[in-house]
């Protein structure tokens, strides 16, 4: 049981004026939902190790595949392919009773054996077996239920690494790697046929191209850069924002080796004026952060001071006789990252440090944007640690005190300097109804429908 209340608010803003209070027409079957995204997926296998986690990947995987359970808006596990679960106690195996009558998209029946095989492939260190109609899992996983809700633990029938088969509300019709994906409604979905007939997803599109296409009526759902949201003239479109689910941070390529390096890293962290960056570069979006986890998730992020202290930064820098020039990497395709990198370099200069922004693939430190893997803070912290090469902390309990201690220990390595917690933002056409964001920032389109737009 968690010692704090999870909260999840899917915040809709900038809605069509006067829309509130107008009668909603009844859901309609049919139509093709057109989506655009910036990411380019190279695999449709949710457990593929070569593909970095992203909100786009999560959204797609949850349309095609199901997990045994999912977390609701309050962080509580809810049944999906498993209808019930139980464990005899700590260090004892968990037993998950499978839902009857579920079929993969190719028509084959989901069995405990096939579900167990899928989980074993995704988690080689787990002991997963089938027992009648149940899946039995033995592993050293204090937060197993939250682990099982991650998209990478989707149940798949892996006939092909390019196109594995799932049990989700939509099935794969066409897949052009990294370019386009077409999904069709799963007529036999155990949760009921979706309202939409087809979903067409175009990949590798810039934010500008996405919104222009939405304005021209050629897309129904697009991504919005948080820093651009206030500038948009949405017209009939709706803007939807999640709670902060992405960390923008500076990540060093290696651990600090000497006391001089530690002093310089401390000086850099103290020199950064996050408030100014948020006002000017992010146009008020996101939250300045000196913590790894956002406050809504942990409840204590405010105790890590995010304000700059230039005097203390200069004192830390004065302890070092020779000041190296660090290269600061950023993604050349991300205009926000470049602006943030330039501003970090200017702040560092005020403290007597020398940073050289670069779009090269190698650098001394890199401006990185890290999606938080889960609304479960322990899972989010553990996955983030693995992503940036921080030591994974042992979990002795699920208490907020232990969570705070684990996060503080990771920050004290000085390998990562948090900058901002950012929300995911999307714009949708007025025709798209009843779609929501899940707590992990992914779309929920199983019950979405299009109004008066047969296609």
Protein backbone atom coordinates (compact mmCIF):
# COMPACT_ATOMS: atom_id res chain seq x y z
CA UNK A 1 0.00 0.00 0.00
CA UNK A 2 1.38 3.41 -0.94
CA UNK A 3 1.90 5.94 1.84
CA UNK A 4 0.80 8.84 -0.29
CA UNK A 5 -2.19 9.44 -2.53
CA UNK A 6 -1.49 9.34 -6.23
CA UNK A 7 -3.28 11.91 -8.25
CA UNK A 8 -3.82 12.03 -11.94
CA UNK A 9 -5.55 14.88 -13.71
CA UNK A 10 -5.95 14.90 -17.48
CA UNK A 11 -6.15 18.65 -17.90
CA UNK A 12 -8.01 20.01 -20.93
CA UNK A 13 -7.53 23.67 -21.70
CA UNK A 14 -8.03 26.19 -24.44
CA UNK A 15 -11.24 24.46 -25.41
CA UNK A 16 -13.54 25.75 -28.10
CA UNK A 17 -15.35 28.74 -26.59
CA UNK A 18 -18.84 27.84 -25.56
CA UNK A 19 -18.28 24.11 -25.93
CA UNK A 20 -19.00 23.49 -22.26
CA UNK A 21 -22.62 22.78 -21.65
CA UNK A 22 -23.46 21.87 -25.25
CA UNK A 23 -25.20 18.52 -25.66
CA UNK A 24 -22.94 15.69 -26.81
CA UNK A 25 -24.16 13.51 -29.65
CA UNK A 26 -24.17 9.76 -29.19
CA UNK A 27 -21.00 7.81 -30.08
CA UNK A 28 -20.77 6.81 -33.71
CA UNK A 29 -19.09 3.81 -35.27
CA UNK A 30 -16.82 4.24 -38.26
CA UNK A 31 -14.26 6.67 -39.60
CA UNK A 32 -10.48 6.88 -39.83
CA UNK A 33 -8.56 8.70 -37.12
CA UNK A 34 -5.48 10.47 -38.50
CA UNK A 35 -2.56 10.96 -36.11
CA UNK A 36 0.86 12.53 -36.58
CA UNK A 37 3.92 12.20 -34.33
CA UNK A 38 7.54 13.26 -34.22
CA UNK A 39 9.05 9.92 -33.20
CA UNK A 40 10.06 7.21 -35.67
CA UNK A 41 9.50 3.72 -34.25
CA UNK A 42 11.83 1.03 -35.54
CA UNK A 43 9.95 -1.90 -34.03
CA UNK A 44 6.45 -2.89 -32.97
CA UNK A 45 7.75 -5.33 -30.38
CA UNK A 46 6.99 -3.79 -26.95
CA UNK A 47 9.95 -5.62 -25.41
CA UNK A 48 12.47 -4.58 -28.09
CA UNK A 49 15.69 -3.57 -26.35
CA UNK A 50 16.85 -1.43 -29.29
CA UNK A 51 13.98 1.06 -29.02
CA UNK A 52 14.09 3.85 -26.47
CA UNK A 53 11.01 4.42 -24.35
CA UNK A 54 8.80 7.26 -25.57
CA UNK A 55 5.24 8.45 -25.13
CA UNK A 56 4.59 7.68 -28.80
CA UNK A 57 5.75 4.09 -28.35
CA UNK A 58 3.60 3.64 -25.23
CA UNK A 59 0.54 4.97 -27.02
CA UNK A 60 0.92 2.63 -29.96
CA UNK A 61 1.75 -0.43 -27.89
CA UNK A 62 -1.30 0.04 -25.69
CA UNK A 63 -3.56 0.11 -28.76
CA UNK A 64 -2.22 -3.15 -30.17
CA UNK A 65 -1.32 -5.13 -27.05
CA UNK A 66 -2.74 -5.75 -23.58
CA UNK A 67 -0.98 -6.24 -20.26
CA UNK A 68 -2.19 -8.48 -17.45
CA UNK A 69 -3.16 -5.40 -15.43
CA UNK A 70 -3.08 -1.62 -15.75
CA UNK A 71 -2.85 1.22 -13.24
CA UNK A 72 -5.86 3.50 -12.92
CA UNK A 73 -5.78 7.26 -12.35
CA UNK A 74 -5.08 6.71 -8.64
CA UNK A 75 -2.26 4.24 -9.20
CA UNK A 76 -4.37 1.22 -8.28
CA UNK A 77 -4.00 -2.00 -10.34
CA UNK A 78 -7.04 -2.88 -12.45
CA UNK A 79 -7.78 -6.09 -14.38
CA UNK A 80 -7.04 -6.39 -18.08
CA UNK A 81 -6.00 -9.85 -19.28
CA UNK A 82 -5.87 -11.01 -15.67
CA UNK A 83 -9.17 -10.90 -13.83
CA UNK A 84 -7.71 -11.46 -10.36
CA UNK A 85 -4.38 -11.98 -8.63
CA UNK A 86 -3.02 -12.95 -5.25
CA UNK A 87 0.16 -13.72 -3.37
CA UNK A 88 0.65 -15.67 -0.15
CA UNK A 89 3.05 -13.05 1.16
CA UNK A 90 6.49 -11.53 0.80
CA UNK A 91 8.89 -13.61 -1.34
CA UNK A 92 5.98 -15.82 -2.37
CA UNK A 93 4.91 -16.24 -6.01
CA UNK A 94 2.04 -14.28 -7.49
CA UNK A 95 -0.82 -16.06 -9.24
CA UNK A 96 -2.78 -14.28 -12.00
CA UNK A 97 -6.02 -15.80 -13.23
CA UNK A 98 -6.44 -15.17 -16.96
CA UNK A 99 -9.59 -13.86 -18.58
CA UNK A 100 -11.49 -16.50 -20.57
CA UNK A 101 -12.24 -16.22 -24.27
CA UNK A 102 -9.49 -13.78 -25.25
CA UNK A 103 -8.02 -14.25 -28.72
CA UNK A 104 -4.94 -12.89 -30.42
CA UNK A 105 -5.48 -10.89 -33.60
CA UNK A 106 -4.67 -13.99 -35.68
CA UNK A 107 -7.58 -15.84 -34.05
CA UNK A 108 -5.60 -18.10 -31.73
CA UNK A 109 -6.74 -18.36 -28.11
CA UNK A 110 -4.75 -16.70 -25.34
CA UNK A 111 -3.59 -19.39 -22.91
CA UNK A 112 -1.64 -19.33 -19.69
CA UNK A 113 1.23 -20.98 -21.56
CA UNK A 114 1.37 -18.28 -24.23
CA UNK A 115 1.11 -15.49 -21.65
CA UNK A 116 3.87 -17.05 -19.55
CA UNK A 117 6.11 -17.43 -22.61
CA UNK A 118 5.65 -13.75 -23.47
CA UNK A 119 6.58 -12.60 -19.96
CA UNK A 120 9.60 -14.92 -19.79
CA UNK A 121 10.93 -13.51 -23.06
CA UNK A 122 10.59 -9.95 -21.77
CA UNK A 123 11.99 -10.77 -18.30
CA UNK A 124 14.66 -13.51 -18.43
CA UNK A 125 15.32 -13.15 -14.68
CA UNK A 126 11.74 -13.95 -13.74
CA UNK A 127 10.43 -17.44 -13.11
CA UNK A 128 7.13 -17.53 -14.99
CA UNK A 129 5.04 -20.68 -15.37
CA UNK A 130 1.53 -21.69 -16.40
CA UNK A 131 -0.74 -23.51 -13.98
CA UNK A 132 -4.11 -24.34 -15.47
CA UNK A 133 -5.72 -21.03 -16.37
CA UNK A 134 -3.29 -18.99 -14.30
CA UNK A 135 0.14 -17.43 -14.78
CA UNK A 136 2.47 -17.83 -11.79
CA UNK A 137 5.33 -15.35 -11.34
CA UNK A 138 8.24 -15.64 -8.91
CA UNK A 139 10.69 -12.74 -8.92
CA UNK A 140 12.50 -10.27 -6.69
CA UNK A 141 10.13 -7.44 -7.63
CA UNK A 142 8.79 -5.35 -4.73
CA UNK A 143 6.53 -3.48 -7.19
CA UNK A 144 5.55 -6.37 -9.44
CA UNK A 145 2.02 -5.12 -10.13
CA UNK A 146 3.32 -1.77 -11.36
CA UNK A 147 5.99 -3.59 -13.39
CA UNK A 148 3.36 -5.71 -15.10
CA UNK A 149 1.45 -2.58 -16.11
CA UNK A 150 4.39 -1.32 -18.21
CA UNK A 151 3.93 -1.63 -22.00
CA UNK A 152 7.09 -3.74 -22.29
CA UNK A 153 5.25 -6.46 -20.34
CA UNK A 154 2.47 -6.63 -22.90
CA UNK A 155 1.36 -10.14 -23.80
CA UNK A 156 2.42 -10.87 -27.38
CA UNK A 157 2.56 -13.77 -29.75
CA UNK A 158 5.88 -13.16 -31.39
CA UNK A 159 5.60 -14.78 -34.81
CA UNK A 160 7.82 -12.03 -36.20
CA UNK A 161 9.93 -9.37 -34.54
CA UNK A 162 8.63 -6.93 -37.13
CA UNK A 163 4.96 -7.59 -36.51
CA UNK A 164 4.14 -9.44 -33.27
CA UNK A 165 0.48 -10.30 -32.64
CA UNK A 166 -1.45 -8.86 -29.72
CA UNK A 167 -4.90 -8.96 -28.13
CA UNK A 168 -5.54 -5.20 -27.97
CA UNK A 169 -8.44 -3.11 -29.34
CA UNK A 170 -6.66 -2.51 -32.67
CA UNK A 171 -4.72 -4.81 -34.99
CA UNK A 172 -1.88 -4.01 -37.36
CA UNK A 173 -2.89 -3.62 -41.03
CA UNK A 174 0.15 -1.87 -42.53
CA UNK A 175 3.57 -1.12 -41.10
CA UNK A 176 6.20 1.00 -42.87
CA UNK A 177 9.09 1.02 -40.41
CA UNK A 178 9.63 4.47 -38.97
CA UNK A 179 7.17 6.09 -41.37
CA UNK A 180 3.57 4.93 -41.19
CA UNK A 181 1.35 2.58 -39.23
CA UNK A 182 -2.25 1.67 -40.02
CA UNK A 183 -4.42 -0.05 -37.42
CA UNK A 184 -7.91 -1.52 -37.80
CA UNK A 185 -10.54 -2.17 -35.15
CA UNK A 186 -10.33 -5.60 -33.54
CA UNK A 187 -13.84 -6.90 -34.24
CA UNK A 188 -13.46 -9.60 -31.59
CA UNK A 189 -11.88 -7.49 -28.86
CA UNK A 190 -12.77 -8.90 -25.44
CA UNK A 191 -13.56 -5.38 -24.20
CA UNK A 192 -15.93 -4.62 -27.08
CA UNK A 193 -15.28 -3.42 -30.60
CA UNK A 194 -13.79 0.11 -30.75
CA UNK A 195 -15.90 2.80 -32.41
CA UNK A 196 -13.16 3.77 -34.89
CA UNK A 197 -12.68 1.67 -38.03
CA UNK A 198 -9.08 2.68 -38.75
CA UNK A 199 -6.22 4.66 -37.22
CA UNK A 200 -3.52 6.02 -39.54
CA UNK A 201 -0.32 7.22 -37.84
CA UNK A 202 2.35 9.19 -39.70
CA UNK A 203 5.78 9.34 -38.04
CA UNK A 204 8.77 11.66 -38.26
CA UNK A 205 6.73 14.87 -38.53
CA UNK A 206 7.90 18.13 -36.97
CA UNK A 207 5.69 20.00 -34.51
CA UNK A 208 5.17 22.72 -37.12
CA UNK A 209 4.11 20.25 -39.81
CA UNK A 210 1.79 18.47 -37.39
CA UNK A 211 -0.09 21.59 -36.36
CA UNK A 212 -0.30 22.91 -39.92
CA UNK A 213 -1.86 19.62 -40.98
CA UNK A 214 -4.33 19.84 -38.09
CA UNK A 215 -5.29 23.38 -39.11
CA UNK A 216 -5.90 22.20 -42.68
CA UNK A 217 -8.24 19.48 -41.42
CA UNK A 218 -5.95 16.65 -42.55
CA UNK A 219 -5.15 15.36 -39.06
CA UNK A 220 -7.23 14.72 -35.94
CA UNK A 221 -4.59 14.30 -33.23
CA UNK A 222 -1.11 15.86 -33.13
CA UNK A 223 1.64 16.58 -30.63
CA UNK A 224 2.31 20.09 -29.32
CA UNK A 225 5.62 21.30 -27.93
CA UNK A 226 4.90 22.59 -24.38
CA UNK A 227 6.76 25.84 -25.04
CA UNK A 228 4.59 26.56 -28.11
CA UNK A 229 1.17 25.88 -26.59
CA UNK A 230 0.41 29.47 -25.54
CA UNK A 231 1.13 30.77 -29.06
CA UNK A 232 -1.25 28.48 -30.85
CA UNK A 233 -4.46 29.74 -32.33
CA UNK A 234 -6.48 26.57 -31.96
CA UNK A 235 -9.76 27.56 -33.53
CA UNK A 236 -12.00 24.52 -33.18
CA UNK A 237 -9.18 22.33 -31.88
CA UNK A 238 -8.78 21.20 -28.27
CA UNK A 239 -5.54 21.23 -26.30
CA UNK A 240 -4.98 18.47 -23.73
CA UNK A 241 -2.08 18.35 -21.28
CA UNK A 242 -0.83 15.71 -18.87
CA UNK A 243 0.77 16.30 -15.52
CA UNK A 244 4.59 16.58 -15.82
CA UNK A 245 5.79 13.17 -17.04
CA UNK A 246 9.15 14.05 -18.64
CA UNK A 247 12.40 15.16 -17.04
CA UNK A 248 14.72 17.54 -18.89
CA UNK A 249 18.17 17.21 -17.34
CA UNK A 250 21.90 17.51 -17.85
CA UNK A 251 23.54 14.08 -17.77
CA UNK A 252 27.31 13.63 -17.58
CA UNK A 253 28.93 10.96 -19.71
CA UNK A 254 30.86 9.56 -16.74
CA UNK A 255 30.99 9.72 -12.96
CA UNK A 256 32.98 12.48 -11.28
CA UNK A 257 36.54 11.24 -10.75
CA UNK A 258 38.07 13.92 -8.51
CA UNK A 259 37.11 16.50 -5.90
CA UNK A 260 37.75 19.20 -8.51
CA UNK A 261 35.19 17.64 -10.82
CA UNK A 262 32.68 17.45 -8.00
CA UNK A 263 33.19 21.13 -7.18
CA UNK A 264 32.74 22.13 -10.83
CA UNK A 265 29.56 20.08 -11.17
CA UNK A 266 28.18 21.63 -7.99
CA UNK A 267 29.02 25.08 -9.37
CA UNK A 268 27.21 24.31 -12.62
CA UNK A 269 24.08 23.12 -10.81
CA UNK A 270 24.04 26.28 -8.68
CA UNK A 271 24.52 28.60 -11.66
CA UNK A 272 21.44 27.54 -13.66
CA UNK A 273 18.57 30.05 -13.68
CA UNK A 274 15.67 27.69 -14.31
CA UNK A 275 13.04 30.33 -13.57
CA UNK A 276 14.30 32.61 -16.31
CA UNK A 277 14.51 29.73 -18.78
CA UNK A 278 10.94 28.72 -17.96
CA UNK A 279 9.63 32.25 -18.48
CA UNK A 280 11.54 33.01 -21.68
CA UNK A 281 12.33 29.73 -23.43
CA UNK A 282 9.48 27.53 -22.18
CA UNK A 283 6.98 30.39 -22.19
CA UNK A 284 5.75 29.37 -18.76
CA UNK A 285 5.39 25.66 -19.52
CA UNK A 286 6.65 22.93 -17.21
CA UNK A 287 8.07 23.23 -13.70
CA UNK A 288 11.66 24.13 -12.70
CA UNK A 289 13.16 21.04 -11.09
CA UNK A 290 16.09 20.11 -8.88
CA UNK A 291 14.56 16.69 -8.19
CA UNK A 292 14.31 13.61 -10.37
CA UNK A 293 10.63 12.98 -9.63
CA UNK A 294 7.92 15.66 -9.95
CA UNK A 295 6.21 16.81 -6.79
CA UNK A 296 2.80 15.39 -7.77
CA UNK A 297 4.40 11.94 -7.84
CA UNK A 298 6.69 12.05 -4.79
CA UNK A 299 5.18 14.77 -2.61
CA UNK A 300 8.61 16.11 -1.56
CA UNK A 301 10.23 17.60 -4.69
CA UNK A 302 9.88 21.10 -3.25
CA UNK A 303 12.59 20.36 -0.65
CA UNK A 304 15.24 20.30 -3.41
CA UNK A 305 15.99 23.99 -4.12
CA UNK A 306 15.81 24.88 -7.83
CA UNK A 307 16.78 28.57 -7.45
CA UNK A 308 20.24 29.67 -8.65
CA UNK A 309 22.90 30.78 -6.18
CA UNK A 310 25.59 32.49 -8.24
CA UNK A 311 27.69 33.53 -5.24
CA UNK A 312 27.92 29.96 -3.97
CA UNK A 313 28.55 28.71 -7.53
CA UNK A 314 31.52 31.05 -7.83
CA UNK A 315 32.87 29.89 -4.46
CA UNK A 316 32.68 26.27 -5.60
CA UNK A 317 34.40 27.18 -8.86
CA UNK A 318 37.14 29.11 -7.02
CA UNK A 319 38.27 25.89 -5.35
CA UNK A 320 39.51 24.60 -8.71
CA UNK A 321 42.67 26.04 -10.27
CA UNK A 322 42.29 24.74 -13.83
CA UNK A 323 38.89 25.10 -15.50
CA UNK A 324 38.29 22.73 -18.42
CA UNK A 325 35.94 23.46 -21.31
CA UNK A 326 33.10 20.95 -21.24
CA UNK A 327 31.17 20.06 -24.37
CA UNK A 328 27.39 20.19 -23.86
CA UNK A 329 25.51 17.96 -26.30
CA UNK A 330 21.97 18.48 -27.55
CA UNK A 331 19.68 17.01 -30.20
CA UNK A 332 20.10 19.05 -33.40
CA UNK A 333 16.51 18.18 -34.37
CA UNK A 334 15.09 19.64 -31.15
CA UNK A 335 15.00 23.44 -31.26
CA UNK A 336 14.15 23.67 -27.56
CA UNK A 337 17.18 21.62 -26.56
CA UNK A 338 19.46 23.95 -28.50
CA UNK A 339 18.01 27.04 -26.83
CA UNK A 340 18.28 25.44 -23.38
CA UNK A 341 21.87 24.35 -24.04
CA UNK A 342 22.85 27.87 -25.09
CA UNK A 343 21.25 29.36 -21.97
CA UNK A 344 22.91 26.80 -19.67
CA UNK A 345 26.26 27.74 -21.23
CA UNK A 346 25.59 31.46 -20.55
CA UNK A 347 24.62 30.76 -16.93
CA UNK A 348 27.76 28.66 -16.50
CA UNK A 349 29.90 31.50 -17.89
CA UNK A 350 28.53 33.84 -15.21
CA UNK A 351 29.88 31.39 -12.62
CA UNK A 352 33.30 31.23 -14.31
CA UNK A 353 32.72 27.90 -16.05
CA UNK A 354 33.24 27.08 -19.71
CA UNK A 355 30.64 25.05 -21.68
CA UNK A 356 30.58 24.62 -25.45
CA UNK A 357 27.21 23.52 -26.88
CA UNK A 358 27.48 20.93 -29.65
CA UNK A 359 25.20 18.74 -31.72
CA UNK A 360 27.91 16.06 -31.98
CA UNK A 361 27.02 12.55 -30.86
CA UNK A 362 29.62 12.56 -28.08
CA UNK A 363 29.97 15.20 -25.38
CA UNK A 364 31.10 15.61 -21.77
CA UNK A 365 27.50 16.12 -20.72
CA UNK A 366 24.24 16.08 -22.63
CA UNK A 367 20.91 17.81 -22.37
CA UNK A 368 18.50 14.88 -22.20
CA UNK A 369 14.72 14.51 -22.05
CA UNK A 370 13.69 11.40 -20.12
CA UNK A 371 10.10 10.10 -20.16
CA UNK A 372 9.04 8.90 -16.71
CA UNK A 373 8.22 5.24 -17.20
CA UNK A 374 5.30 5.03 -14.80
CA UNK A 375 3.11 6.95 -12.38
CA UNK A 376 4.53 4.61 -9.74
CA UNK A 377 7.43 6.66 -8.27
CA UNK A 378 9.61 3.64 -7.53
CA UNK A 379 9.27 2.33 -11.08
CA UNK A 380 9.86 5.82 -12.48
CA UNK A 381 13.02 6.27 -10.39
CA UNK A 382 14.38 2.80 -11.12
CA UNK A 383 13.81 3.07 -14.87
CA UNK A 384 15.35 6.54 -14.98
CA UNK A 385 18.41 5.27 -13.13
CA UNK A 386 18.89 2.51 -15.68
CA UNK A 387 18.45 4.96 -18.57
CA UNK A 388 21.14 7.42 -17.47
CA UNK A 389 23.51 4.96 -15.80
CA UNK A 390 22.83 5.80 -12.17
CA UNK A 391 23.21 3.12 -9.48
CA UNK A 392 19.84 1.47 -8.90
CA UNK A 393 18.86 1.82 -5.25
CA UNK A 394 17.68 -1.19 -3.24
CA UNK A 395 14.06 -1.05 -2.20
CA UNK A 396 13.53 -2.02 1.43
CA UNK A 397 9.98 -0.72 1.59
CA UNK A 398 7.52 1.40 -0.33
CA UNK A 399 7.65 4.24 2.20
CA UNK A 400 8.05 7.83 1.08
CA UNK A 401 11.04 8.09 3.42
CA UNK A 402 12.88 5.34 1.56
CA UNK A 403 11.90 6.88 -1.78
CA UNK A 404 13.34 10.23 -0.69
CA UNK A 405 16.56 8.58 0.52
CA UNK A 406 16.96 6.70 -2.77
CA UNK A 407 16.43 9.80 -4.87
CA UNK A 408 18.76 11.88 -2.74
CA UNK A 409 21.49 9.23 -3.08
CA UNK A 410 21.18 9.36 -6.87
CA UNK A 411 21.37 13.14 -6.97
CA UNK A 412 24.47 13.05 -4.76
CA UNK A 413 26.32 11.09 -7.45
CA UNK A 414 26.36 14.42 -9.37
CA UNK A 415 25.96 12.56 -12.64
CA UNK A 416 22.62 14.24 -13.35
CA UNK A 417 21.41 17.81 -12.90
CA UNK A 418 17.60 18.11 -13.22
CA UNK A 419 16.25 21.16 -15.06
CA UNK A 420 12.51 20.85 -15.68
CA UNK A 421 9.55 18.54 -15.39
CA UNK A 422 7.51 18.85 -18.58
CA UNK A 423 3.97 17.77 -19.51
CA UNK A 424 2.93 16.01 -22.68
CA UNK A 425 0.60 18.14 -24.78
CA UNK A 426 -1.66 17.24 -27.69
CA UNK A 427 -4.08 19.10 -29.94
CA UNK A 428 -7.10 17.31 -31.39
CA UNK A 429 -9.78 18.26 -33.88
CA UNK A 430 -13.25 19.07 -32.58
CA UNK A 431 -14.50 15.93 -34.33
CA UNK A 432 -12.50 13.60 -32.07
CA UNK A 433 -14.54 12.69 -29.01
CA UNK A 434 -14.01 10.75 -25.78
CA UNK A 435 -10.26 10.30 -25.93
CA UNK A 436 -8.14 10.67 -22.81
CA UNK A 437 -4.56 10.46 -21.56
CA UNK A 438 -3.51 7.65 -19.27
CA UNK A 439 -1.35 8.28 -16.19
CA UNK A 440 1.79 7.28 -18.16
CA UNK A 441 1.10 9.97 -20.79
CA UNK A 442 -0.16 7.57 -23.47
CA UNK A 443 -3.39 8.01 -25.44
CA UNK A 444 -6.49 6.03 -24.59
CA UNK A 445 -8.39 5.65 -27.87
CA UNK A 446 -10.31 2.44 -27.21
CA UNK A 447 -13.54 4.38 -26.68
CA UNK A 448 -12.77 7.37 -28.93
CA UNK A 449 -15.02 8.21 -31.86
CA UNK A 450 -15.35 10.73 -34.69
CA UNK A 451 -18.38 12.97 -34.99
CA UNK A 452 -20.04 13.22 -38.41
CA UNK A 453 -16.87 12.37 -40.29
CA UNK A 454 -17.20 9.06 -42.12
CA UNK A 455 -13.97 8.37 -44.01
